[in-house]
C-alpha cells in the first residue's frame, strides 16, 4: 500500500521504515515515527477510535501524534 492509497480516517504502519501514516477526516496526510515514546514498540492504528495505540504498555496517541493516554511521555515524532 502506498501512502496515497490511505483514505480519510485510515492509518497504516510501515514497519521497515518505523513509519506510521494516516489521513485525517479533512484529508491531511500525517507521517509519524511509529515507535512509542514509552517503550519503543511500534504503535498500531485503531480504526474505531482513530488513534495510534501501543500494544506493549497501552499508551495511546491522537492521529497527529499527541499523547492521549500514558505511560508515553512524549508525542510521536513528525516525519517528513
PDB file of N, CA and C in Angstrom:
ATOM      1  N   UNK A   1       0.855  -1.186   0.000  1.00  0.00           N
ATOM      2  CA  UNK A   1       0.000   0.000   0.000  1.00  0.00           C
ATOM      3  C   UNK A   1       0.890   1.236   0.000  1.00  0.00           C
ATOM      4  N   UNK A   2       0.613   2.125  -0.889  1.00  0.00           N
ATOM      5  CA  UNK A   2       1.331   3.397  -0.950  1.00  0.00           C
ATOM      6  C   UNK A   2       0.626   4.421  -0.069  1.00  0.00           C
ATOM      7  N   UNK A   3       1.346   5.461   0.305  1.00  0.00           N
ATOM      8  CA  UNK A   3       0.765   6.494   1.162  1.00  0.00           C
ATOM      9  C   UNK A   3      -0.488   7.095   0.541  1.00  0.00           C
ATOM     10  N   UNK A   4      -0.473   7.280  -0.764  1.00  0.00           N
ATOM     11  CA  UNK A   4      -1.620   7.891  -1.443  1.00  0.00           C
ATOM     12  C   UNK A   4      -2.868   7.018  -1.408  1.00  0.00           C
ATOM     13  N   UNK A   5      -2.712   5.720  -1.139  1.00  0.00           N
ATOM     14  CA  UNK A   5      -3.851   4.800  -1.061  1.00  0.00           C
ATOM     15  C   UNK A   5      -4.591   4.894   0.266  1.00  0.00           C
ATOM     16  N   UNK A   6      -4.017   5.566   1.244  1.00  0.00           N
ATOM     17  CA  UNK A   6      -4.649   5.677   2.560  1.00  0.00           C
ATOM     18  C   UNK A   6      -5.787   6.682   2.466  1.00  0.00           C
ATOM     19  N   UNK A   7      -6.989   6.219   2.786  1.00  0.00           N
ATOM     20  CA  UNK A   7      -8.188   7.058   2.686  1.00  0.00           C
ATOM     21  C   UNK A   7      -8.424   7.817   3.993  1.00  0.00           C
ATOM     22  N   UNK A   8      -9.331   8.780   3.950  1.00  0.00           N
ATOM     23  CA  UNK A   8      -9.688   9.542   5.150  1.00  0.00           C
ATOM     24  C   UNK A   8     -10.084   8.585   6.266  1.00  0.00           C
ATOM     25  N   UNK A   9      -9.524   8.824   7.458  1.00  0.00           N
ATOM     26  CA  UNK A   9      -9.844   8.002   8.622  1.00  0.00           C
ATOM     27  C   UNK A   9      -9.076   6.698   8.707  1.00  0.00           C
ATOM     28  N   UNK A  10      -8.171   6.437   7.764  1.00  0.00           N
ATOM     29  CA  UNK A  10      -7.390   5.202   7.775  1.00  0.00           C
ATOM     30  C   UNK A  10      -5.953   5.471   8.194  1.00  0.00           C
ATOM     31  N   UNK A  11      -5.293   4.429   8.661  1.00  0.00           N
ATOM     32  CA  UNK A  11      -3.892   4.526   9.031  1.00  0.00           C
ATOM     33  C   UNK A  11      -3.183   3.214   8.788  1.00  0.00           C
ATOM     34  N   UNK A  12      -1.885   3.275   8.619  1.00  0.00           N
ATOM     35  CA  UNK A  12      -1.081   2.076   8.390  1.00  0.00           C
ATOM     36  C   UNK A  12       0.322   2.316   8.928  1.00  0.00           C
ATOM     37  N   UNK A  13       0.927   1.246   9.442  1.00  0.00           N
ATOM     38  CA  UNK A  13       2.313   1.304   9.896  1.00  0.00           C
ATOM     39  C   UNK A  13       3.183   0.589   8.863  1.00  0.00           C
ATOM     40  N   UNK A  14       4.244   1.269   8.449  1.00  0.00           N
ATOM     41  CA  UNK A  14       5.244   0.695   7.566  1.00  0.00           C
ATOM     42  C   UNK A  14       6.427   0.339   8.465  1.00  0.00           C
ATOM     43  N   UNK A  15       6.438  -0.888   8.952  1.00  0.00           N
ATOM     44  CA  UNK A  15       7.381  -1.314   9.990  1.00  0.00           C
ATOM     45  C   UNK A  15       8.841  -1.202   9.563  1.00  0.00           C
ATOM     46  N   UNK A  16       9.135  -1.526   8.311  1.00  0.00           N
ATOM     47  CA  UNK A  16      10.529  -1.482   7.868  1.00  0.00           C
ATOM     48  C   UNK A  16      11.103  -0.068   7.929  1.00  0.00           C
ATOM     49  N   UNK A  17      10.246   0.924   7.886  1.00  0.00           N
ATOM     50  CA  UNK A  17      10.664   2.325   7.959  1.00  0.00           C
ATOM     51  C   UNK A  17      10.361   2.952   9.323  1.00  0.00           C
ATOM     52  N   UNK A  18       9.719   2.191  10.233  1.00  0.00           N
ATOM     53  CA  UNK A  18       9.224   2.720  11.506  1.00  0.00           C
ATOM     54  C   UNK A  18       8.405   3.977  11.250  1.00  0.00           C
ATOM     55  N   UNK A  19       7.453   3.849  10.342  1.00  0.00           N
ATOM     56  CA  UNK A  19       6.653   4.977   9.901  1.00  0.00           C
ATOM     57  C   UNK A  19       5.170   4.664  10.080  1.00  0.00           C
ATOM     58  N   UNK A  20       4.467   5.564  10.767  1.00  0.00           N
ATOM     59  CA  UNK A  20       3.012   5.460  10.950  1.00  0.00           C
ATOM     60  C   UNK A  20       2.377   6.562  10.103  1.00  0.00           C
ATOM     61  N   UNK A  21       1.472   6.179   9.210  1.00  0.00           N
ATOM     62  CA  UNK A  21       0.869   7.130   8.285  1.00  0.00           C
ATOM     63  C   UNK A  21      -0.642   7.034   8.382  1.00  0.00           C
ATOM     64  N   UNK A  22      -1.292   8.187   8.508  1.00  0.00           N
ATOM     65  CA  UNK A  22      -2.759   8.206   8.494  1.00  0.00           C
ATOM     66  C   UNK A  22      -3.227   9.458   7.757  1.00  0.00           C
ATOM     67  N   UNK A  23      -4.486   9.416   7.372  1.00  0.00           N
ATOM     68  CA  UNK A  23      -5.106  10.567   6.730  1.00  0.00           C
ATOM     69  C   UNK A  23      -6.280  10.987   7.604  1.00  0.00           C
ATOM     70  N   UNK A  24      -6.294  12.244   8.049  1.00  0.00           N
ATOM     71  CA  UNK A  24      -7.381  12.698   8.912  1.00  0.00           C
ATOM     72  C   UNK A  24      -8.650  12.940   8.084  1.00  0.00           C
ATOM     73  N   UNK A  25      -9.718  13.283   8.756  1.00  0.00           N
ATOM     74  CA  UNK A  25     -11.018  13.448   8.091  1.00  0.00           C
ATOM     75  C   UNK A  25     -11.037  14.638   7.135  1.00  0.00           C
ATOM     76  N   UNK A  26     -10.102  15.571   7.296  1.00  0.00           N
ATOM     77  CA  UNK A  26     -10.005  16.711   6.380  1.00  0.00           C
ATOM     78  C   UNK A  26      -9.167  16.370   5.142  1.00  0.00           C
ATOM     79  N   UNK A  27      -8.541  15.196   5.155  1.00  0.00           N
ATOM     80  CA  UNK A  27      -7.743  14.755   4.018  1.00  0.00           C
ATOM     81  C   UNK A  27      -6.249  14.963   4.161  1.00  0.00           C
ATOM     82  N   UNK A  28      -5.809  15.526   5.302  1.00  0.00           N
ATOM     83  CA  UNK A  28      -4.375  15.757   5.509  1.00  0.00           C
ATOM     84  C   UNK A  28      -3.670  14.454   5.854  1.00  0.00           C
ATOM     85  N   UNK A  29      -2.533  14.226   5.216  1.00  0.00           N
ATOM     86  CA  UNK A  29      -1.731  13.039   5.468  1.00  0.00           C
ATOM     87  C   UNK A  29      -0.726  13.335   6.588  1.00  0.00           C
ATOM     88  N   UNK A  30      -0.711  12.471   7.603  1.00  0.00           N
ATOM     89  CA  UNK A  30       0.205  12.615   8.738  1.00  0.00           C
ATOM     90  C   UNK A  30       1.207  11.485   8.685  1.00  0.00           C
ATOM     91  N   UNK A  31       2.499  11.821   8.780  1.00  0.00           N
ATOM     92  CA  UNK A  31       3.579  10.845   8.799  1.00  0.00           C
ATOM     93  C   UNK A  31       4.321  11.005  10.127  1.00  0.00           C
ATOM     94  N   UNK A  32       4.346   9.916  10.895  1.00  0.00           N
ATOM     95  CA  UNK A  32       4.914   9.939  12.244  1.00  0.00           C
ATOM     96  C   UNK A  32       5.886   8.786  12.425  1.00  0.00           C
ATOM     97  N   UNK A  33       6.799   8.944  13.364  1.00  0.00           N
ATOM     98  CA  UNK A  33       7.627   7.825  13.777  1.00  0.00           C
ATOM     99  C   UNK A  33       6.703   6.839  14.487  1.00  0.00           C
ATOM    100  N   UNK A  34       6.762   5.575  14.115  1.00  0.00           N
ATOM    101  CA  UNK A  34       5.832   4.594  14.673  1.00  0.00           C
ATOM    102  C   UNK A  34       6.255   4.051  16.034  1.00  0.00           C
ATOM    103  N   UNK A  35       7.428   4.422  16.522  1.00  0.00           N
ATOM    104  CA  UNK A  35       7.909   3.878  17.796  1.00  0.00           C
ATOM    105  C   UNK A  35       7.354   4.673  18.981  1.00  0.00           C
ATOM    106  N   UNK A  36       6.693   3.966  19.869  1.00  0.00           N
ATOM    107  CA  UNK A  36       6.124   4.587  21.067  1.00  0.00           C
ATOM    108  C   UNK A  36       7.239   5.229  21.889  1.00  0.00           C
ATOM    109  N   UNK A  37       6.970   6.390  22.414  1.00  0.00           N
ATOM    110  CA  UNK A  37       7.980   7.108  23.195  1.00  0.00           C
ATOM    111  C   UNK A  37       8.166   6.525  24.591  1.00  0.00           C
ATOM    112  N   UNK A  38       7.336   5.571  24.967  1.00  0.00           N
ATOM    113  CA  UNK A  38       7.494   4.935  26.275  1.00  0.00           C
ATOM    114  C   UNK A  38       8.380   3.709  26.193  1.00  0.00           C
ATOM    115  N   UNK A  39       8.064   2.789  25.287  1.00  0.00           N
ATOM    116  CA  UNK A  39       8.780   1.524  25.282  1.00  0.00           C
ATOM    117  C   UNK A  39       9.391   1.130  23.958  1.00  0.00           C
ATOM    118  N   UNK A  40       9.320   2.001  22.960  1.00  0.00           N
ATOM    119  CA  UNK A  40       9.940   1.773  21.660  1.00  0.00           C
ATOM    120  C   UNK A  40       9.254   0.676  20.837  1.00  0.00           C
ATOM    121  N   UNK A  41       8.034   0.265  21.211  1.00  0.00           N
ATOM    122  CA  UNK A  41       7.265  -0.678  20.403  1.00  0.00           C
ATOM    123  C   UNK A  41       6.581   0.090  19.274  1.00  0.00           C
ATOM    124  N   UNK A  42       6.353  -0.576  18.147  1.00  0.00           N
ATOM    125  CA  UNK A  42       5.614   0.065  17.064  1.00  0.00           C
ATOM    126  C   UNK A  42       4.138   0.148  17.425  1.00  0.00           C
ATOM    127  N   UNK A  43       3.574   1.331  17.249  1.00  0.00           N
ATOM    128  CA  UNK A  43       2.143   1.530  17.501  1.00  0.00           C
ATOM    129  C   UNK A  43       1.327   0.860  16.405  1.00  0.00           C
ATOM    130  N   UNK A  44       0.033   0.714  16.643  1.00  0.00           N
ATOM    131  CA  UNK A  44      -0.908   0.159  15.671  1.00  0.00           C
ATOM    132  C   UNK A  44      -2.058   1.134  15.525  1.00  0.00           C
ATOM    133  N   UNK A  45      -2.648   1.194  14.330  1.00  0.00           N
ATOM    134  CA  UNK A  45      -3.786   2.066  14.075  1.00  0.00           C
ATOM    135  C   UNK A  45      -5.050   1.467  14.652  1.00  0.00           C
ATOM    136  N   UNK A  46      -5.777   2.251  15.433  1.00  0.00           N
ATOM    137  CA  UNK A  46      -7.068   1.857  15.990  1.00  0.00           C
ATOM    138  C   UNK A  46      -8.132   2.527  15.123  1.00  0.00           C
ATOM    139  N   UNK A  47      -8.714   1.767  14.196  1.00  0.00           N
ATOM    140  CA  UNK A  47      -9.651   2.318  13.218  1.00  0.00           C
ATOM    141  C   UNK A  47     -10.928   2.843  13.864  1.00  0.00           C
ATOM    142  N   UNK A  48     -11.347   2.236  14.959  1.00  0.00           N
ATOM    143  CA  UNK A  48     -12.578   2.673  15.626  1.00  0.00           C
ATOM    144  C   UNK A  48     -12.409   4.040  16.285  1.00  0.00           C
ATOM    145  N   UNK A  49     -11.314   4.219  17.025  1.00  0.00           N
ATOM    146  CA  UNK A  49     -11.085   5.464  17.765  1.00  0.00           C
ATOM    147  C   UNK A  49     -10.232   6.473  17.007  1.00  0.00           C
ATOM    148  N   UNK A  50      -9.663   6.049  15.866  1.00  0.00           N
ATOM    149  CA  UNK A  50      -8.780   6.911  15.063  1.00  0.00           C
ATOM    150  C   UNK A  50      -7.585   7.377  15.895  1.00  0.00           C
ATOM    151  N   UNK A  51      -6.948   6.404  16.567  1.00  0.00           N
ATOM    152  CA  UNK A  51      -5.783   6.686  17.400  1.00  0.00           C
ATOM    153  C   UNK A  51      -4.672   5.697  17.069  1.00  0.00           C
ATOM    154  N   UNK A  52      -3.464   6.056  17.475  1.00  0.00           N
ATOM    155  CA  UNK A  52      -2.325   5.148  17.423  1.00  0.00           C
ATOM    156  C   UNK A  52      -2.183   4.549  18.811  1.00  0.00           C
ATOM    157  N   UNK A  53      -2.251   3.232  18.920  1.00  0.00           N
ATOM    158  CA  UNK A  53      -2.208   2.545  20.212  1.00  0.00           C
ATOM    159  C   UNK A  53      -0.958   1.673  20.304  1.00  0.00           C
ATOM    160  N   UNK A  54      -0.299   1.718  21.451  1.00  0.00           N
ATOM    161  CA  UNK A  54       0.881   0.893  21.673  1.00  0.00           C
ATOM    162  C   UNK A  54       0.445  -0.441  22.278  1.00  0.00           C
ATOM    163  N   UNK A  55       0.783  -1.553  21.624  1.00  0.00           N
ATOM    164  CA  UNK A  55       0.374  -2.860  22.137  1.00  0.00           C
ATOM    165  C   UNK A  55       1.189  -3.330  23.344  1.00  0.00           C
ATOM    166  N   UNK A  56       2.310  -2.681  23.641  1.00  0.00           N
ATOM    167  CA  UNK A  56       3.176  -3.144  24.728  1.00  0.00           C
ATOM    168  C   UNK A  56       2.708  -2.697  26.114  1.00  0.00           C
ATOM    169  N   UNK A  57       2.376  -1.408  26.274  1.00  0.00           N
ATOM    170  CA  UNK A  57       2.035  -0.893  27.595  1.00  0.00           C
ATOM    171  C   UNK A  57       0.785  -0.030  27.613  1.00  0.00           C
ATOM    172  N   UNK A  58       0.080   0.071  26.482  1.00  0.00           N
ATOM    173  CA  UNK A  58      -1.211   0.747  26.477  1.00  0.00           C
ATOM    174  C   UNK A  58      -1.218   2.237  26.214  1.00  0.00           C
ATOM    175  N   UNK A  59      -0.080   2.835  25.900  1.00  0.00           N
ATOM    176  CA  UNK A  59      -0.085   4.262  25.567  1.00  0.00           C
ATOM    177  C   UNK A  59      -0.923   4.475  24.308  1.00  0.00           C
ATOM    178  N   UNK A  60      -1.560   5.644  24.216  1.00  0.00           N
ATOM    179  CA  UNK A  60      -2.379   5.981  23.055  1.00  0.00           C
ATOM    180  C   UNK A  60      -2.035   7.397  22.598  1.00  0.00           C
ATOM    181  N   UNK A  61      -2.099   7.583  21.283  1.00  0.00           N
ATOM    182  CA  UNK A  61      -1.763   8.858  20.672  1.00  0.00           C
ATOM    183  C   UNK A  61      -2.868   9.258  19.698  1.00  0.00           C
ATOM    184  N   UNK A  62      -3.083  10.557  19.555  1.00  0.00           N
ATOM    185  CA  UNK A  62      -4.045  11.047  18.574  1.00  0.00           C
ATOM    186  C   UNK A  62      -3.490  10.796  17.167  1.00  0.00           C
ATOM    187  N   UNK A  63      -4.320  10.995  16.163  1.00  0.00           N
ATOM    188  CA  UNK A  63      -3.897  10.748  14.779  1.00  0.00           C
ATOM    189  C   UNK A  63      -2.660  11.554  14.393  1.00  0.00           C
ATOM    190  N   UNK A  64      -2.482  12.733  15.020  1.00  0.00           N
ATOM    191  CA  UNK A  64      -1.338  13.588  14.700  1.00  0.00           C
ATOM    192  C   UNK A  64      -0.183  13.445  15.693  1.00  0.00           C
ATOM    193  N   UNK A  65      -0.237  12.406  16.538  1.00  0.00           N
ATOM    194  CA  UNK A  65       0.888  12.057  17.392  1.00  0.00           C
ATOM    195  C   UNK A  65       0.882  12.576  18.811  1.00  0.00           C
ATOM    196  N   UNK A  66      -0.100  13.384  19.187  1.00  0.00           N
ATOM    197  CA  UNK A  66      -0.152  13.895  20.560  1.00  0.00           C
ATOM    198  C   UNK A  66      -0.567  12.784  21.531  1.00  0.00           C
ATOM    199  N   UNK A  67      -0.092  12.884  22.760  1.00  0.00           N
ATOM    200  CA  UNK A  67      -0.403  11.868  23.773  1.00  0.00           C
ATOM    201  C   UNK A  67      -1.873  11.956  24.155  1.00  0.00           C
ATOM    202  N   UNK A  68      -2.536  10.809  24.074  1.00  0.00           N
ATOM    203  CA  UNK A  68      -3.930  10.711  24.501  1.00  0.00           C
ATOM    204  C   UNK A  68      -4.002  10.047  25.871  1.00  0.00           C
ATOM    205  N   UNK A  69      -3.132   9.057  26.117  1.00  0.00           N
ATOM    206  CA  UNK A  69      -3.064   8.434  27.438  1.00  0.00           C
ATOM    207  C   UNK A  69      -1.657   7.891  27.680  1.00  0.00           C
ATOM    208  N   UNK A  70      -1.265   7.909  28.923  1.00  0.00           N
ATOM    209  CA  UNK A  70       0.067   7.465  29.350  1.00  0.00           C
ATOM    210  C   UNK A  70       0.142   5.943  29.294  1.00  0.00           C
ATOM    211  N   UNK A  71       1.345   5.382  29.380  1.00  0.00           N
ATOM    212  CA  UNK A  71       2.552   5.899  30.001  1.00  0.00           C
ATOM    213  C   UNK A  71       3.512   6.645  29.067  1.00  0.00           C
ATOM    214  N   UNK A  72       3.126   6.937  27.860  1.00  0.00           N
ATOM    215  CA  UNK A  72       4.009   7.707  26.975  1.00  0.00           C
ATOM    216  C   UNK A  72       4.331   9.055  27.620  1.00  0.00           C
ATOM    217  N   UNK A  73       5.536   9.551  27.372  1.00  0.00           N
ATOM    218  CA  UNK A  73       5.949  10.810  27.997  1.00  0.00           C
ATOM    219  C   UNK A  73       6.287  11.886  26.958  1.00  0.00           C
ATOM    220  N   UNK A  74       6.282  11.529  25.678  1.00  0.00           N
ATOM    221  CA  UNK A  74       6.480  12.495  24.585  1.00  0.00           C
ATOM    222  C   UNK A  74       5.557  12.107  23.441  1.00  0.00           C
ATOM    223  N   UNK A  75       5.138  13.073  22.633  1.00  0.00           N
ATOM    224  CA  UNK A  75       4.330  12.747  21.465  1.00  0.00           C
ATOM    225  C   UNK A  75       5.173  11.971  20.438  1.00  0.00           C
ATOM    226  N   UNK A  76       4.491  11.338  19.500  1.00  0.00           N
ATOM    227  CA  UNK A  76       5.209  10.692  18.391  1.00  0.00           C
ATOM    228  C   UNK A  76       5.836  11.780  17.531  1.00  0.00           C
ATOM    229  N   UNK A  77       7.024  11.510  17.031  1.00  0.00           N
ATOM    230  CA  UNK A  77       7.743  12.496  16.223  1.00  0.00           C
ATOM    231  C   UNK A  77       7.141  12.591  14.825  1.00  0.00           C
ATOM    232  N   UNK A  78       6.975  13.824  14.362  1.00  0.00           N
ATOM    233  CA  UNK A  78       6.544  14.044  12.980  1.00  0.00           C
ATOM    234  C   UNK A  78       7.687  13.695  12.051  1.00  0.00           C
ATOM    235  N   UNK A  79       7.353  13.100  10.920  1.00  0.00           N
ATOM    236  CA  UNK A  79       8.355  12.741   9.909  1.00  0.00           C
ATOM    237  C   UNK A  79       8.024  13.436   8.599  1.00  0.00           C
ATOM    238  N   UNK A  80       9.024  13.701   7.835  1.00  0.00           N
ATOM    239  CA  UNK A  80       8.856  14.348   6.519  1.00  0.00           C
ATOM    240  C   UNK A  80       8.402  13.347   5.503  1.00  0.00           C
TER     241      UNK A  80
END
